[in-house]
Amino acid sequence: MTFIKALREILPEGTLRIKEPMAKHTSMKIGGPADILAKPATNEQLKKIHDLCRGNNWPLTLLGEGSNILVADEGIRGVVVLTTGLNTLEVTAPPGEIGRITASAGVKLAKLADTACKNSLQGLEFAQAIPGSVGGAVYMNAGAYGHDIAEVCESVTFLSGEVILGKNMGFDYRTSRVQGEGGIIIEAVFRLLPGNPEEIRATINILNNQRREKQPYEPSVGSTFKRPPGLFAGKLIEDAGLKGFSVGAAQVSEKHAGFVVNKGGATADEVCRLMDEVRKRVYKKSGVWLEPEVKIIGRKYPWE
C-alpha cells in the first residue's frame, strides 16, 4: 500500500490535499506548497497519521490557524496536519464557582473566549483579540494586553497521553517547554474565575476596539518581534525611522511598526530580508537586537 493511499484510509473524504499552497492557510497569505496537507477530525486520526509518518520517515508539521508563522516560498516537505478539525469544547461552570473549559488544540481563541463569556467565566478576555488556536497559543504562551495563557492554563494533554500541569509547562514570555522538548498538544484545560457576563463582554469589546484602532488591516503574522525587556519593539522600529519601510511587497506597517504586513503578493524571502534589515538598523540606532516572535517553517532566518 502506498503512503498516500494509507493516509486516505485514515482521513475523511476531501480532507487530504497534494501540493497545497500554504498561502491559503496562513494569516500572512504567504507560503509555498506542502507535499501533503491533512485535516484529521479526531485525535485518533491524528495518532494514526503520526504513527504512519514516523514509520515511513516522513516529516510531520502541525499547524492551527496559521498565525505567528511564516512558511517559506519553497513550501513544507512531508505532511502538514491542520488541527482546525479538532475543535471540541467542554465546559464545567457551577454558578458562582471556579469553572473549567477543556478545549481541543484546533479551537480558535476567539471561540474559546466567547464560550467563557457565555458561561460567566472570566480570565480569557485578552484571547478574543488573538488570531490563533489553542495548540499554538499553549506552544508559545500567547498573550495580549498584559495577560497570557500561562495565567489560566491548568493542564495540557499530549498525543502521547502525557498530561502536564500548567505550572510545569515552563511558560515564559512567548515560550513553553514544548518549544525545546517537542510533543504534540491535543487539548488544554483552562481554569477560570466566575464573573459577570455583561462586564466580561464589555471588556472584550474594549480590547477588540483597541486592536482595530491600533493594528494594521493588511495580512500579517501579528507582532513580528518579541518585546525586549522594559521596551517595545514597535517603538524601537519607529524610532529607527522604519515605519513604512519596504522590501518588495513586504512592509513595516505604517499603522503600527511592530507589524510586518503583506501589501499584496509578498514572498517569504522578502519578509525575511525586511526583518533582517530592520534588526540591523534598530541595533545601529538603539543597541538592541530584536528577537523574532514569528516562527519560520521551511528555511532559516538570514542571521541564523
C-alpha atoms as a PDB file:
ATOM      1  CA  MET A   1       0.000   0.000   0.000  1.00  0.00           C
ATOM      2  CA  THR A   2       1.349   3.431  -0.924  1.00  0.00           C
ATOM      3  CA  PHE A   3       1.859   6.119   1.722  1.00  0.00           C
ATOM      4  CA  ILE A   4      -0.811   8.415   0.275  1.00  0.00           C
ATOM      5  CA  LYS A   5      -3.303   5.548  -0.032  1.00  0.00           C
ATOM      6  CA  ALA A   6      -2.708   4.702   3.636  1.00  0.00           C
ATOM      7  CA  LEU A   7      -3.392   8.325   4.562  1.00  0.00           C
ATOM      8  CA  ARG A   8      -6.622   8.335   2.560  1.00  0.00           C
ATOM      9  CA  GLU A   9      -7.831   5.317   4.513  1.00  0.00           C
ATOM     10  CA  ILE A  10      -7.287   7.212   7.774  1.00  0.00           C
ATOM     11  CA  LEU A  11      -8.903  10.522   6.830  1.00  0.00           C
ATOM     12  CA  PRO A  12     -12.435  11.605   5.955  1.00  0.00           C
ATOM     13  CA  GLU A  13     -13.050  12.122   2.235  1.00  0.00           C
ATOM     14  CA  GLY A  14     -11.906  15.516   0.961  1.00  0.00           C
ATOM     15  CA  THR A  15      -9.516  16.205   3.849  1.00  0.00           C
ATOM     16  CA  LEU A  16      -6.274  15.232   2.080  1.00  0.00           C
ATOM     17  CA  ARG A  17      -4.627  17.519  -0.462  1.00  0.00           C
ATOM     18  CA  ILE A  18      -1.439  17.191  -2.505  1.00  0.00           C
ATOM     19  CA  LYS A  19       0.879  20.153  -3.181  1.00  0.00           C
ATOM     20  CA  GLU A  20      -1.458  22.503  -1.335  1.00  0.00           C
ATOM     21  CA  PRO A  21      -0.316  26.181  -1.325  1.00  0.00           C
ATOM     22  CA  MET A  22       0.229  27.149   2.313  1.00  0.00           C
ATOM     23  CA  ALA A  23      -0.575  30.775   1.474  1.00  0.00           C
ATOM     24  CA  LYS A  24      -4.197  29.629   1.735  1.00  0.00           C
ATOM     25  CA  HIS A  25      -3.703  28.568   5.343  1.00  0.00           C
ATOM     26  CA  THR A  26      -1.609  31.322   6.928  1.00  0.00           C
ATOM     27  CA  SER A  27      -2.597  34.756   8.219  1.00  0.00           C
ATOM     28  CA  MET A  28       0.272  36.318   6.242  1.00  0.00           C
ATOM     29  CA  LYS A  29      -1.115  34.823   2.996  1.00  0.00           C
ATOM     30  CA  ILE A  30       2.395  33.628   2.139  1.00  0.00           C
ATOM     31  CA  GLY A  31       3.859  30.165   1.692  1.00  0.00           C
ATOM     32  CA  GLY A  32       4.796  27.579  -0.897  1.00  0.00           C
ATOM     33  CA  PRO A  33       3.169  24.160  -1.223  1.00  0.00           C
ATOM     34  CA  ALA A  34       3.003  21.415   1.360  1.00  0.00           C
ATOM     35  CA  ASP A  35       3.789  17.997  -0.081  1.00  0.00           C
ATOM     36  CA  ILE A  36       0.676  16.679   1.656  1.00  0.00           C
ATOM     37  CA  LEU A  37      -1.938  18.572   3.687  1.00  0.00           C
ATOM     38  CA  ALA A  38      -4.159  16.549   6.018  1.00  0.00           C
ATOM     39  CA  LYS A  39      -7.050  17.631   8.225  1.00  0.00           C
ATOM     40  CA  PRO A  40      -7.967  14.969  10.793  1.00  0.00           C
ATOM     41  CA  ALA A  41     -11.322  15.184  12.557  1.00  0.00           C
ATOM     42  CA  THR A  42     -10.347  13.236  15.692  1.00  0.00           C
ATOM     43  CA  ASN A  43      -7.339  12.656  17.908  1.00  0.00           C
ATOM     44  CA  GLU A  44      -7.430   9.010  16.870  1.00  0.00           C
ATOM     45  CA  GLN A  45      -6.934  10.010  13.237  1.00  0.00           C
ATOM     46  CA  LEU A  46      -4.107  12.343  14.259  1.00  0.00           C
ATOM     47  CA  LYS A  47      -2.431   9.490  16.143  1.00  0.00           C
ATOM     48  CA  LYS A  48      -2.657   7.206  13.094  1.00  0.00           C
ATOM     49  CA  ILE A  49      -1.165   9.918  10.860  1.00  0.00           C
ATOM     50  CA  HIS A  50       1.634  10.486  13.368  1.00  0.00           C
ATOM     51  CA  ASP A  51       2.438   6.785  13.569  1.00  0.00           C
ATOM     52  CA  LEU A  52       2.297   6.364   9.783  1.00  0.00           C
ATOM     53  CA  CYS A  53       4.682   9.283   9.247  1.00  0.00           C
ATOM     54  CA  ARG A  54       7.075   8.032  11.902  1.00  0.00           C
ATOM     55  CA  GLY A  55       7.034   4.523  10.479  1.00  0.00           C
ATOM     56  CA  ASN A  56       7.805   5.804   6.984  1.00  0.00           C
ATOM     57  CA  ASN A  57      10.280   8.560   7.951  1.00  0.00           C
ATOM     58  CA  TRP A  58       8.015  11.327   6.674  1.00  0.00           C
ATOM     59  CA  PRO A  59       8.385  14.772   8.298  1.00  0.00           C
ATOM     60  CA  LEU A  60       5.258  15.892  10.172  1.00  0.00           C
ATOM     61  CA  THR A  61       4.341  19.535  10.796  1.00  0.00           C
ATOM     62  CA  LEU A  62       1.325  20.710  12.787  1.00  0.00           C
ATOM     63  CA  LEU A  63      -0.478  23.934  12.004  1.00  0.00           C
ATOM     64  CA  GLY A  64      -3.519  25.626  13.551  1.00  0.00           C
ATOM     65  CA  GLU A  65      -4.859  28.944  12.327  1.00  0.00           C
ATOM     66  CA  GLY A  66      -1.552  29.795  10.666  1.00  0.00           C
ATOM     67  CA  SER A  67      -0.902  32.964  12.659  1.00  0.00           C
ATOM     68  CA  ASN A  68       2.536  33.876  14.027  1.00  0.00           C
ATOM     69  CA  ILE A  69       4.234  31.745  11.364  1.00  0.00           C
ATOM     70  CA  LEU A  70       5.840  32.363   8.016  1.00  0.00           C
ATOM     71  CA  VAL A  71       6.020  29.475   5.564  1.00  0.00           C
ATOM     72  CA  ALA A  72       8.993  29.553   3.196  1.00  0.00           C
ATOM     73  CA  ASP A  73       8.432  30.094  -0.522  1.00  0.00           C
ATOM     74  CA  GLU A  74       9.873  26.596  -1.049  1.00  0.00           C
ATOM     75  CA  GLY A  75       6.963  25.176   0.951  1.00  0.00           C
ATOM     76  CA  ILE A  76       6.995  22.396   3.535  1.00  0.00           C
ATOM     77  CA  ARG A  77       8.291  18.911   2.984  1.00  0.00           C
ATOM     78  CA  GLY A  78       6.336  15.932   4.266  1.00  0.00           C
ATOM     79  CA  VAL A  79       2.872  16.026   5.817  1.00  0.00           C
ATOM     80  CA  VAL A  80       1.281  19.149   7.246  1.00  0.00           C
ATOM     81  CA  VAL A  81      -1.587  18.482   9.641  1.00  0.00           C
ATOM     82  CA  LEU A  82      -4.212  21.175  10.091  1.00  0.00           C
ATOM     83  CA  THR A  83      -5.572  20.891  13.637  1.00  0.00           C
ATOM     84  CA  THR A  84      -8.606  23.057  12.879  1.00  0.00           C
ATOM     85  CA  GLY A  85     -10.749  19.934  12.574  1.00  0.00           C
ATOM     86  CA  LEU A  86     -10.020  19.165  16.253  1.00  0.00           C
ATOM     87  CA  ASN A  87     -12.368  21.729  17.773  1.00  0.00           C
ATOM     88  CA  THR A  88     -14.331  20.264  20.665  1.00  0.00           C
ATOM     89  CA  LEU A  89     -15.157  22.252  23.806  1.00  0.00           C
ATOM     90  CA  GLU A  90     -16.357  21.039  27.192  1.00  0.00           C
ATOM     91  CA  VAL A  91     -17.436  23.483  29.890  1.00  0.00           C
ATOM     92  CA  THR A  92     -17.869  22.952  33.623  1.00  0.00           C
ATOM     93  CA  ALA A  93     -19.179  26.150  35.211  1.00  0.00           C
ATOM     94  CA  PRO A  94     -21.036  25.785  38.521  1.00  0.00           C
ATOM     95  CA  PRO A  95     -22.753  29.136  39.252  1.00  0.00           C
ATOM     96  CA  GLY A  96     -20.519  31.386  41.333  1.00  0.00           C
ATOM     97  CA  GLU A  97     -17.666  28.877  41.440  1.00  0.00           C
ATOM     98  CA  ILE A  98     -14.389  28.330  39.628  1.00  0.00           C
ATOM     99  CA  GLY A  99     -15.054  26.893  36.178  1.00  0.00           C
ATOM    100  CA  ARG A 100     -13.058  24.942  33.627  1.00  0.00           C
ATOM    101  CA  ILE A 101     -13.062  24.726  29.863  1.00  0.00           C
ATOM    102  CA  THR A 102     -11.440  21.783  28.121  1.00  0.00           C
ATOM    103  CA  ALA A 103     -10.561  22.755  24.560  1.00  0.00           C
ATOM    104  CA  SER A 104      -9.053  20.772  21.698  1.00  0.00           C
ATOM    105  CA  ALA A 105      -5.905  22.072  20.027  1.00  0.00           C
ATOM    106  CA  GLY A 106      -7.744  23.399  16.974  1.00  0.00           C
ATOM    107  CA  VAL A 107     -10.265  25.572  18.827  1.00  0.00           C
ATOM    108  CA  LYS A 108      -9.966  29.228  17.849  1.00  0.00           C
ATOM    109  CA  LEU A 109      -9.009  31.511  20.735  1.00  0.00           C
ATOM    110  CA  ALA A 110     -11.859  33.856  19.844  1.00  0.00           C
ATOM    111  CA  LYS A 111     -14.318  30.977  20.205  1.00  0.00           C
ATOM    112  CA  LEU A 112     -12.702  29.945  23.495  1.00  0.00           C
ATOM    113  CA  ALA A 113     -13.026  33.467  24.909  1.00  0.00           C
ATOM    114  CA  ASP A 114     -16.604  33.771  23.676  1.00  0.00           C
ATOM    115  CA  THR A 115     -17.525  30.442  25.287  1.00  0.00           C
ATOM    116  CA  ALA A 116     -16.028  31.586  28.591  1.00  0.00           C
ATOM    117  CA  CYS A 117     -18.062  34.783  28.457  1.00  0.00           C
ATOM    118  CA  LYS A 118     -21.324  32.963  27.693  1.00  0.00           C
ATOM    119  CA  ASN A 119     -20.700  30.753  30.716  1.00  0.00           C
ATOM    120  CA  SER A 120     -19.930  33.689  33.063  1.00  0.00           C
ATOM    121  CA  LEU A 121     -16.231  32.816  33.312  1.00  0.00           C
ATOM    122  CA  GLN A 122     -13.530  35.489  33.284  1.00  0.00           C
ATOM    123  CA  GLY A 123      -9.825  35.402  32.527  1.00  0.00           C
ATOM    124  CA  LEU A 124      -9.788  34.819  28.784  1.00  0.00           C
ATOM    125  CA  GLU A 125     -10.954  38.238  27.615  1.00  0.00           C
ATOM    126  CA  PHE A 126      -7.493  39.010  26.209  1.00  0.00           C
ATOM    127  CA  ALA A 127      -7.625  35.917  23.989  1.00  0.00           C
ATOM    128  CA  GLN A 128     -10.576  37.177  21.950  1.00  0.00           C
ATOM    129  CA  ALA A 129      -8.243  39.501  20.044  1.00  0.00           C
ATOM    130  CA  ILE A 130      -5.568  36.889  19.285  1.00  0.00           C
ATOM    131  CA  PRO A 131      -5.907  35.261  15.836  1.00  0.00           C
ATOM    132  CA  GLY A 132      -4.796  31.757  16.713  1.00  0.00           C
ATOM    133  CA  SER A 133      -5.823  28.386  18.106  1.00  0.00           C
ATOM    134  CA  VAL A 134      -5.399  26.652  21.460  1.00  0.00           C
ATOM    135  CA  GLY A 135      -2.492  24.423  20.426  1.00  0.00           C
ATOM    136  CA  GLY A 136      -0.404  27.265  19.084  1.00  0.00           C
ATOM    137  CA  ALA A 137      -1.362  29.524  21.992  1.00  0.00           C
ATOM    138  CA  VAL A 138      -0.116  26.976  24.523  1.00  0.00           C
ATOM    139  CA  TYR A 139       3.006  26.249  22.479  1.00  0.00           C
ATOM    140  CA  MET A 140       4.082  29.902  22.520  1.00  0.00           C
ATOM    141  CA  ASN A 141       2.265  31.131  25.637  1.00  0.00           C
ATOM    142  CA  ALA A 142       0.287  33.600  23.547  1.00  0.00           C
ATOM    143  CA  GLY A 143      -0.684  36.836  25.185  1.00  0.00           C
ATOM    144  CA  ALA A 144      -2.028  40.349  24.737  1.00  0.00           C
ATOM    145  CA  TYR A 145      -2.876  43.418  26.800  1.00  0.00           C
ATOM    146  CA  GLY A 146      -0.749  42.337  29.752  1.00  0.00           C
ATOM    147  CA  HIS A 147      -2.147  38.801  30.065  1.00  0.00           C
ATOM    148  CA  ASP A 148      -1.152  35.408  28.693  1.00  0.00           C
ATOM    149  CA  ILE A 149      -2.146  31.747  28.503  1.00  0.00           C
ATOM    150  CA  ALA A 150       0.071  30.811  31.459  1.00  0.00           C
ATOM    151  CA  GLU A 151      -2.316  32.650  33.822  1.00  0.00           C
ATOM    152  CA  VAL A 152      -5.279  30.407  33.027  1.00  0.00           C
ATOM    153  CA  CYS A 153      -3.835  27.107  31.729  1.00  0.00           C
ATOM    154  CA  GLU A 154      -4.401  24.366  34.307  1.00  0.00           C
ATOM    155  CA  SER A 155      -3.142  21.399  32.301  1.00  0.00           C
ATOM    156  CA  VAL A 156      -2.095  20.269  28.830  1.00  0.00           C
ATOM    157  CA  THR A 157      -2.672  16.848  27.260  1.00  0.00           C
ATOM    158  CA  PHE A 158      -0.334  15.481  24.590  1.00  0.00           C
ATOM    159  CA  LEU A 159      -0.846  12.930  21.834  1.00  0.00           C
ATOM    160  CA  SER A 160       1.369  10.543  23.787  1.00  0.00           C
ATOM    161  CA  GLY A 161      -1.221  10.554  26.593  1.00  0.00           C
ATOM    162  CA  GLU A 162       1.006  12.581  28.914  1.00  0.00           C
ATOM    163  CA  VAL A 163      -0.722  15.278  30.948  1.00  0.00           C
ATOM    164  CA  ILE A 164       1.369  18.183  32.243  1.00  0.00           C
ATOM    165  CA  LEU A 165       0.112  20.723  34.750  1.00  0.00           C
ATOM    166  CA  GLY A 166       0.235  24.328  33.606  1.00  0.00           C
ATOM    167  CA  LYS A 167       2.645  25.215  36.393  1.00  0.00           C
ATOM    168  CA  ASN A 168       5.091  22.650  34.980  1.00  0.00           C
ATOM    169  CA  MET A 169       4.818  23.799  31.349  1.00  0.00           C
ATOM    170  CA  GLY A 170       7.795  26.125  31.575  1.00  0.00           C
ATOM    171  CA  PHE A 171       5.733  29.081  30.447  1.00  0.00           C
ATOM    172  CA  ASP A 172       7.613  32.315  29.941  1.00  0.00           C
ATOM    173  CA  TYR A 173       7.326  35.249  27.563  1.00  0.00           C
ATOM    174  CA  ARG A 174       6.200  33.708  24.250  1.00  0.00           C
ATOM    175  CA  THR A 175       7.563  30.288  25.067  1.00  0.00           C
ATOM    176  CA  SER A 176       6.864  26.974  26.791  1.00  0.00           C
ATOM    177  CA  ARG A 177       8.737  23.752  27.407  1.00  0.00           C
ATOM    178  CA  VAL A 178       7.185  22.304  24.236  1.00  0.00           C
ATOM    179  CA  GLN A 179       9.413  24.504  22.084  1.00  0.00           C
ATOM    180  CA  GLY A 180      12.507  22.797  23.454  1.00  0.00           C
ATOM    181  CA  GLU A 181      11.218  19.308  24.212  1.00  0.00           C
ATOM    182  CA  GLY A 182       8.686  18.749  21.443  1.00  0.00           C
ATOM    183  CA  GLY A 183       5.374  16.944  21.793  1.00  0.00           C
ATOM    184  CA  ILE A 184       2.004  17.254  20.077  1.00  0.00           C
ATOM    185  CA  ILE A 185      -0.614  19.171  22.057  1.00  0.00           C
ATOM    186  CA  ILE A 186      -4.130  17.805  21.648  1.00  0.00           C
ATOM    187  CA  GLU A 187      -6.045  19.710  24.344  1.00  0.00           C
ATOM    188  CA  ALA A 188      -5.746  22.069  27.279  1.00  0.00           C
ATOM    189  CA  VAL A 189      -7.819  22.775  30.369  1.00  0.00           C
ATOM    190  CA  PHE A 190      -8.361  26.395  31.388  1.00  0.00           C
ATOM    191  CA  ARG A 191      -9.211  27.318  34.970  1.00  0.00           C
ATOM    192  CA  LEU A 192     -11.352  30.448  35.159  1.00  0.00           C
ATOM    193  CA  LEU A 193     -12.971  32.576  37.843  1.00  0.00           C
ATOM    194  CA  PRO A 194     -16.708  33.324  37.927  1.00  0.00           C
ATOM    195  CA  GLY A 195     -17.693  36.721  36.583  1.00  0.00           C
ATOM    196  CA  ASN A 196     -20.458  38.923  35.264  1.00  0.00           C
ATOM    197  CA  PRO A 197     -21.042  38.103  31.571  1.00  0.00           C
ATOM    198  CA  GLU A 198     -22.014  41.682  30.731  1.00  0.00           C
ATOM    199  CA  GLU A 199     -18.805  43.023  32.258  1.00  0.00           C
ATOM    200  CA  ILE A 200     -16.764  40.306  30.544  1.00  0.00           C
ATOM    201  CA  ARG A 201     -18.352  41.161  27.176  1.00  0.00           C
ATOM    202  CA  ALA A 202     -17.708  44.864  27.741  1.00  0.00           C
ATOM    203  CA  THR A 203     -14.011  44.153  28.350  1.00  0.00           C
ATOM    204  CA  ILE A 204     -13.845  42.005  25.212  1.00  0.00           C
ATOM    205  CA  ASN A 205     -15.425  44.788  23.156  1.00  0.00           C
ATOM    206  CA  ILE A 206     -12.972  47.356  24.508  1.00  0.00           C
ATOM    207  CA  LEU A 207      -9.980  45.153  23.658  1.00  0.00           C
ATOM    208  CA  ASN A 208     -11.332  44.375  20.184  1.00  0.00           C
ATOM    209  CA  ASN A 209     -11.833  48.074  19.502  1.00  0.00           C
ATOM    210  CA  GLN A 210      -8.266  48.792  20.615  1.00  0.00           C
ATOM    211  CA  ARG A 211      -6.997  46.113  18.290  1.00  0.00           C
ATOM    212  CA  ARG A 212      -8.910  47.512  15.315  1.00  0.00           C
ATOM    213  CA  GLU A 213      -7.708  51.049  16.042  1.00  0.00           C
ATOM    214  CA  LYS A 214      -4.032  50.235  16.541  1.00  0.00           C
ATOM    215  CA  GLN A 215      -3.256  47.198  14.402  1.00  0.00           C
ATOM    216  CA  PRO A 216      -2.990  47.007  10.596  1.00  0.00           C
ATOM    217  CA  TYR A 217      -5.731  45.521   8.454  1.00  0.00           C
ATOM    218  CA  GLU A 218      -3.348  44.019   5.882  1.00  0.00           C
ATOM    219  CA  PRO A 219      -2.327  40.346   6.201  1.00  0.00           C
ATOM    220  CA  SER A 220       0.362  39.882   8.857  1.00  0.00           C
ATOM    221  CA  VAL A 221       1.697  37.317  11.296  1.00  0.00           C
ATOM    222  CA  GLY A 222       0.823  39.511  14.262  1.00  0.00           C
ATOM    223  CA  SER A 223       3.656  41.004  16.295  1.00  0.00           C
ATOM    224  CA  THR A 224       6.794  40.288  14.278  1.00  0.00           C
ATOM    225  CA  PHE A 225       9.384  40.747  17.030  1.00  0.00           C
ATOM    226  CA  LYS A 226       9.369  39.941  20.733  1.00  0.00           C
ATOM    227  CA  ARG A 227       9.187  42.783  23.222  1.00  0.00           C
ATOM    228  CA  PRO A 228      12.673  43.491  24.637  1.00  0.00           C
ATOM    229  CA  PRO A 229      12.737  43.707  28.449  1.00  0.00           C
ATOM    230  CA  GLY A 230      11.386  47.095  29.512  1.00  0.00           C
ATOM    231  CA  LEU A 231      10.998  48.255  25.901  1.00  0.00           C
ATOM    232  CA  PHE A 232       8.619  47.960  22.955  1.00  0.00           C
ATOM    233  CA  ALA A 233       9.725  46.559  19.607  1.00  0.00           C
ATOM    234  CA  GLY A 234       7.347  48.794  17.664  1.00  0.00           C
ATOM    235  CA  LYS A 235       8.702  51.939  19.333  1.00  0.00           C
ATOM    236  CA  LEU A 236      12.317  50.940  18.618  1.00  0.00           C
ATOM    237  CA  ILE A 237      11.470  50.268  14.969  1.00  0.00           C
ATOM    238  CA  GLU A 238       9.601  53.555  14.630  1.00  0.00           C
ATOM    239  CA  ASP A 239      12.435  55.476  16.305  1.00  0.00           C
ATOM    240  CA  ALA A 240      14.793  53.975  13.720  1.00  0.00           C
ATOM    241  CA  GLY A 241      12.691  55.636  11.022  1.00  0.00           C
ATOM    242  CA  LEU A 242      11.422  52.359   9.626  1.00  0.00           C
ATOM    243  CA  LYS A 243       7.669  52.868   9.623  1.00  0.00           C
ATOM    244  CA  GLY A 244       6.589  52.135   6.053  1.00  0.00           C
ATOM    245  CA  PHE A 245       9.976  50.637   5.135  1.00  0.00           C
ATOM    246  CA  SER A 246       9.538  48.003   2.427  1.00  0.00           C
ATOM    247  CA  VAL A 247      11.317  45.163   0.716  1.00  0.00           C
ATOM    248  CA  GLY A 248       9.249  44.247  -2.304  1.00  0.00           C
ATOM    249  CA  ALA A 249       5.649  43.861  -1.157  1.00  0.00           C
ATOM    250  CA  ALA A 250       6.634  43.230   2.478  1.00  0.00           C
ATOM    251  CA  GLN A 251       6.314  46.380   4.578  1.00  0.00           C
ATOM    252  CA  VAL A 252       6.743  47.607   8.133  1.00  0.00           C
ATOM    253  CA  SER A 253       3.182  48.693   8.842  1.00  0.00           C
ATOM    254  CA  GLU A 254       2.537  52.416   8.596  1.00  0.00           C
ATOM    255  CA  LYS A 255      -0.094  51.981  11.304  1.00  0.00           C
ATOM    256  CA  HIS A 256       1.955  50.023  13.855  1.00  0.00           C
ATOM    257  CA  ALA A 257       5.702  49.496  13.367  1.00  0.00           C
ATOM    258  CA  GLY A 258       5.626  46.254  15.364  1.00  0.00           C
ATOM    259  CA  PHE A 259       3.900  44.523  12.457  1.00  0.00           C
ATOM    260  CA  VAL A 260       5.256  43.440   9.076  1.00  0.00           C
ATOM    261  CA  VAL A 261       2.433  43.299   6.540  1.00  0.00           C
ATOM    262  CA  ASN A 262       1.850  41.798   3.129  1.00  0.00           C
ATOM    263  CA  LYS A 263       0.887  44.619   0.778  1.00  0.00           C
ATOM    264  CA  GLY A 264      -0.089  42.091  -1.869  1.00  0.00           C
ATOM    265  CA  GLY A 265       1.949  39.268  -3.350  1.00  0.00           C
ATOM    266  CA  ALA A 266       4.819  39.457  -0.854  1.00  0.00           C
ATOM    267  CA  THR A 267       7.146  36.469  -0.646  1.00  0.00           C
ATOM    268  CA  ALA A 268       8.635  34.861   2.436  1.00  0.00           C
ATOM    269  CA  ASP A 269      12.074  35.821   1.141  1.00  0.00           C
ATOM    270  CA  GLU A 270      11.040  39.495   1.060  1.00  0.00           C
ATOM    271  CA  VAL A 271       9.713  39.278   4.609  1.00  0.00           C
ATOM    272  CA  CYS A 272      12.950  37.657   5.815  1.00  0.00           C
ATOM    273  CA  ARG A 273      15.125  40.261   4.123  1.00  0.00           C
ATOM    274  CA  LEU A 274      12.992  43.051   5.564  1.00  0.00           C
ATOM    275  CA  MET A 275      13.215  41.587   9.065  1.00  0.00           C
ATOM    276  CA  ASP A 276      16.974  41.220   8.753  1.00  0.00           C
ATOM    277  CA  GLU A 277      17.351  44.852   7.710  1.00  0.00           C
ATOM    278  CA  VAL A 278      15.040  46.042  10.490  1.00  0.00           C
ATOM    279  CA  ARG A 279      17.107  44.178  13.086  1.00  0.00           C
ATOM    280  CA  LYS A 280      20.352  45.695  11.794  1.00  0.00           C
ATOM    281  CA  ARG A 281      19.027  49.247  11.679  1.00  0.00           C
ATOM    282  CA  VAL A 282      17.385  49.038  15.085  1.00  0.00           C
ATOM    283  CA  TYR A 283      20.623  47.733  16.563  1.00  0.00           C
ATOM    284  CA  LYS A 284      22.578  50.557  14.947  1.00  0.00           C
ATOM    285  CA  LYS A 285      20.127  53.108  16.366  1.00  0.00           C
ATOM    286  CA  SER A 286      19.483  51.686  19.847  1.00  0.00           C
ATOM    287  CA  GLY A 287      21.988  48.910  20.522  1.00  0.00           C
ATOM    288  CA  VAL A 288      19.125  46.414  20.877  1.00  0.00           C
ATOM    289  CA  TRP A 289      18.975  43.212  18.838  1.00  0.00           C
ATOM    290  CA  LEU A 290      15.314  42.405  18.216  1.00  0.00           C
ATOM    291  CA  GLU A 291      14.369  38.738  18.564  1.00  0.00           C
ATOM    292  CA  PRO A 292      11.772  37.441  16.100  1.00  0.00           C
ATOM    293  CA  GLU A 293       8.450  36.317  17.500  1.00  0.00           C
ATOM    294  CA  VAL A 294       7.287  34.877  14.189  1.00  0.00           C
ATOM    295  CA  LYS A 295       8.307  31.279  13.509  1.00  0.00           C
ATOM    296  CA  ILE A 296       9.602  30.398  10.042  1.00  0.00           C
ATOM    297  CA  ILE A 297       8.829  26.965   8.650  1.00  0.00           C
ATOM    298  CA  GLY A 298      10.865  25.584   5.783  1.00  0.00           C
ATOM    299  CA  ARG A 299      14.034  27.688   5.969  1.00  0.00           C
ATOM    300  CA  LYS A 300      16.314  29.543   8.356  1.00  0.00           C
ATOM    301  CA  TYR A 301      16.461  33.235   9.122  1.00  0.00           C
ATOM    302  CA  PRO A 302      19.276  35.037   7.264  1.00  0.00           C
ATOM    303  CA  TRP A 303      21.009  35.697  10.596  1.00  0.00           C
ATOM    304  CA  GLU A 304      20.984  32.115  11.879  1.00  0.00           C
END
